[in-house]
Amino acid sequence: MKIDQYIQQYKSNLLDDVIPFWVKNSIDREQGGFFTSLTREGEVFDTDKFIWLQARQVWTFSMLYNRVEAKKGMARYCHSWCRVPEKTWKRCRW
């Protein structure tokens, strides 16, 4: 396989499989932020949140928006779910 084929394969896997999985399954729609501990099926098995994943989710979606594909959905995703209400900070693992 040539390098261009690998690039396309990895880009497709990231944008068509990996990112949609995290968008669909990692959002905490009640408290904001992102769940870290998911099964392969996308079920949350631990509701503790870790600051490293919160930052990684925001960084990843910002980078994808700015460097790979400027989809409005990615920007909306970050703005809608990256905020963790102050009253729930105690649930985040710093």
C-alpha atoms as a PDB file:
ATOM      1  CA  MET A   1       0.000   0.000   0.000  1.00  0.00           C
ATOM      2  CA  LYS A   2       1.263   3.469  -0.818  1.00  0.00           C
ATOM      3  CA  ILE A   3       1.527   6.219   1.762  1.00  0.00           C
ATOM      4  CA  ASP A   4      -1.435   8.127   0.290  1.00  0.00           C
ATOM      5  CA  GLN A   5      -3.622   5.068   0.725  1.00  0.00           C
ATOM      6  CA  TYR A   6      -2.584   4.743   4.368  1.00  0.00           C
ATOM      7  CA  ILE A   7      -3.312   8.417   4.954  1.00  0.00           C
ATOM      8  CA  GLN A   8      -6.792   8.065   3.486  1.00  0.00           C
ATOM      9  CA  GLN A   9      -7.453   4.850   5.409  1.00  0.00           C
ATOM     10  CA  TYR A  10      -6.485   6.391   8.763  1.00  0.00           C
ATOM     11  CA  LYS A  11      -8.355   9.616   8.070  1.00  0.00           C
ATOM     12  CA  SER A  12     -11.476   7.671   7.117  1.00  0.00           C
ATOM     13  CA  ASN A  13     -11.246   5.465  10.209  1.00  0.00           C
ATOM     14  CA  LEU A  14     -10.805   8.484  12.471  1.00  0.00           C
ATOM     15  CA  LEU A  15     -13.599  10.599  10.963  1.00  0.00           C
ATOM     16  CA  ASP A  16     -16.056   7.801  10.164  1.00  0.00           C
ATOM     17  CA  ASP A  17     -15.584   5.458  13.147  1.00  0.00           C
ATOM     18  CA  VAL A  18     -13.550   6.771  16.090  1.00  0.00           C
ATOM     19  CA  ILE A  19     -14.857  10.336  16.353  1.00  0.00           C
ATOM     20  CA  PRO A  20     -18.543   9.395  15.847  1.00  0.00           C
ATOM     21  CA  PHE A  21     -18.173   6.754  18.589  1.00  0.00           C
ATOM     22  CA  TRP A  22     -16.934   9.346  21.102  1.00  0.00           C
ATOM     23  CA  VAL A  23     -19.509  11.936  20.027  1.00  0.00           C
ATOM     24  CA  LYS A  24     -22.331   9.442  20.428  1.00  0.00           C
ATOM     25  CA  ASN A  25     -21.227   7.827  23.686  1.00  0.00           C
ATOM     26  CA  SER A  26     -18.936   9.998  25.797  1.00  0.00           C
ATOM     27  CA  ILE A  27     -21.076  13.090  26.391  1.00  0.00           C
ATOM     28  CA  ASP A  28     -22.496  13.524  29.879  1.00  0.00           C
ATOM     29  CA  ARG A  29     -25.786  15.120  28.860  1.00  0.00           C
ATOM     30  CA  GLU A  30     -26.864  15.715  32.465  1.00  0.00           C
ATOM     31  CA  GLN A  31     -23.769  17.302  34.038  1.00  0.00           C
ATOM     32  CA  GLY A  32     -21.691  18.349  31.016  1.00  0.00           C
ATOM     33  CA  GLY A  33     -18.212  17.154  30.162  1.00  0.00           C
ATOM     34  CA  PHE A  34     -17.189  13.754  28.861  1.00  0.00           C
ATOM     35  CA  PHE A  35     -17.150  10.251  30.289  1.00  0.00           C
ATOM     36  CA  THR A  36     -13.823   8.452  30.121  1.00  0.00           C
ATOM     37  CA  SER A  37     -14.713   4.847  30.850  1.00  0.00           C
ATOM     38  CA  LEU A  38     -16.681   3.277  28.011  1.00  0.00           C
ATOM     39  CA  THR A  39     -17.070  -0.309  26.852  1.00  0.00           C
ATOM     40  CA  ARG A  40     -16.470  -1.181  23.207  1.00  0.00           C
ATOM     41  CA  GLU A  41     -20.235  -0.923  22.786  1.00  0.00           C
ATOM     42  CA  GLY A  42     -20.174   2.629  24.149  1.00  0.00           C
ATOM     43  CA  GLU A  43     -21.753   1.957  27.525  1.00  0.00           C
ATOM     44  CA  VAL A  44     -20.478   4.028  30.458  1.00  0.00           C
ATOM     45  CA  PHE A  45     -19.085   1.759  33.173  1.00  0.00           C
ATOM     46  CA  ASP A  46     -17.609   4.428  35.463  1.00  0.00           C
ATOM     47  CA  THR A  47     -18.975   7.951  35.847  1.00  0.00           C
ATOM     48  CA  ASP A  48     -15.801   9.481  37.314  1.00  0.00           C
ATOM     49  CA  LYS A  49     -14.394  12.143  35.002  1.00  0.00           C
ATOM     50  CA  PHE A  50     -10.751  12.929  34.531  1.00  0.00           C
ATOM     51  CA  ILE A  51      -9.486  16.354  33.563  1.00  0.00           C
ATOM     52  CA  TRP A  52      -7.030  14.911  31.047  1.00  0.00           C
ATOM     53  CA  LEU A  53      -9.888  13.501  28.958  1.00  0.00           C
ATOM     54  CA  GLN A  54     -11.889  16.725  29.191  1.00  0.00           C
ATOM     55  CA  ALA A  55      -8.902  18.614  27.781  1.00  0.00           C
ATOM     56  CA  ARG A  56      -8.151  15.914  25.212  1.00  0.00           C
ATOM     57  CA  GLN A  57     -11.715  15.949  23.873  1.00  0.00           C
ATOM     58  CA  VAL A  58     -11.707  19.731  23.467  1.00  0.00           C
ATOM     59  CA  TRP A  59      -8.198  19.745  21.945  1.00  0.00           C
ATOM     60  CA  THR A  60      -9.017  16.902  19.535  1.00  0.00           C
ATOM     61  CA  PHE A  61     -12.211  18.462  18.231  1.00  0.00           C
ATOM     62  CA  SER A  62     -10.607  21.888  17.971  1.00  0.00           C
ATOM     63  CA  MET A  63      -7.637  20.445  16.068  1.00  0.00           C
ATOM     64  CA  LEU A  64      -9.873  18.459  13.721  1.00  0.00           C
ATOM     65  CA  TYR A  65     -11.996  21.537  13.075  1.00  0.00           C
ATOM     66  CA  ASN A  66      -8.987  23.770  12.404  1.00  0.00           C
ATOM     67  CA  ARG A  67      -6.707  21.367  10.511  1.00  0.00           C
ATOM     68  CA  VAL A  68      -8.710  18.527   9.009  1.00  0.00           C
ATOM     69  CA  GLU A  69     -12.340  19.337   8.356  1.00  0.00           C
ATOM     70  CA  ALA A  70     -14.187  22.475   9.454  1.00  0.00           C
ATOM     71  CA  LYS A  71     -17.569  20.960  10.244  1.00  0.00           C
ATOM     72  CA  LYS A  72     -19.972  23.149  12.175  1.00  0.00           C
ATOM     73  CA  GLY A  73     -21.015  20.104  14.184  1.00  0.00           C
ATOM     74  CA  MET A  74     -17.544  19.755  15.678  1.00  0.00           C
ATOM     75  CA  ALA A  75     -17.499  23.335  16.899  1.00  0.00           C
ATOM     76  CA  ARG A  76     -21.035  23.032  18.266  1.00  0.00           C
ATOM     77  CA  TYR A  77     -20.097  19.781  20.010  1.00  0.00           C
ATOM     78  CA  CYS A  78     -17.234  21.440  21.888  1.00  0.00           C
ATOM     79  CA  HIS A  79     -19.155  24.558  22.814  1.00  0.00           C
ATOM     80  CA  SER A  80     -22.153  22.562  24.028  1.00  0.00           C
ATOM     81  CA  TRP A  81     -20.501  19.849  26.068  1.00  0.00           C
ATOM     82  CA  CYS A  82     -17.050  20.909  27.197  1.00  0.00           C
ATOM     83  CA  ARG A  83     -18.364  23.057  30.028  1.00  0.00           C
ATOM     84  CA  VAL A  84     -18.693  21.375  33.409  1.00  0.00           C
ATOM     85  CA  PRO A  85     -20.979  23.308  35.780  1.00  0.00           C
ATOM     86  CA  GLU A  86     -19.118  24.569  38.852  1.00  0.00           C
ATOM     87  CA  LYS A  87     -21.399  22.655  41.211  1.00  0.00           C
ATOM     88  CA  THR A  88     -20.221  19.358  39.681  1.00  0.00           C
ATOM     89  CA  TRP A  89     -16.464  20.034  39.882  1.00  0.00           C
ATOM     90  CA  LYS A  90     -16.207  17.743  42.880  1.00  0.00           C
ATOM     91  CA  ARG A  91     -17.077  14.840  40.542  1.00  0.00           C
ATOM     92  CA  CYS A  92     -14.080  15.581  38.302  1.00  0.00           C
ATOM     93  CA  ARG A  93     -10.759  13.920  39.072  1.00  0.00           C
ATOM     94  CA  TRP A  94      -8.018  16.569  38.918  1.00  0.00           C
END
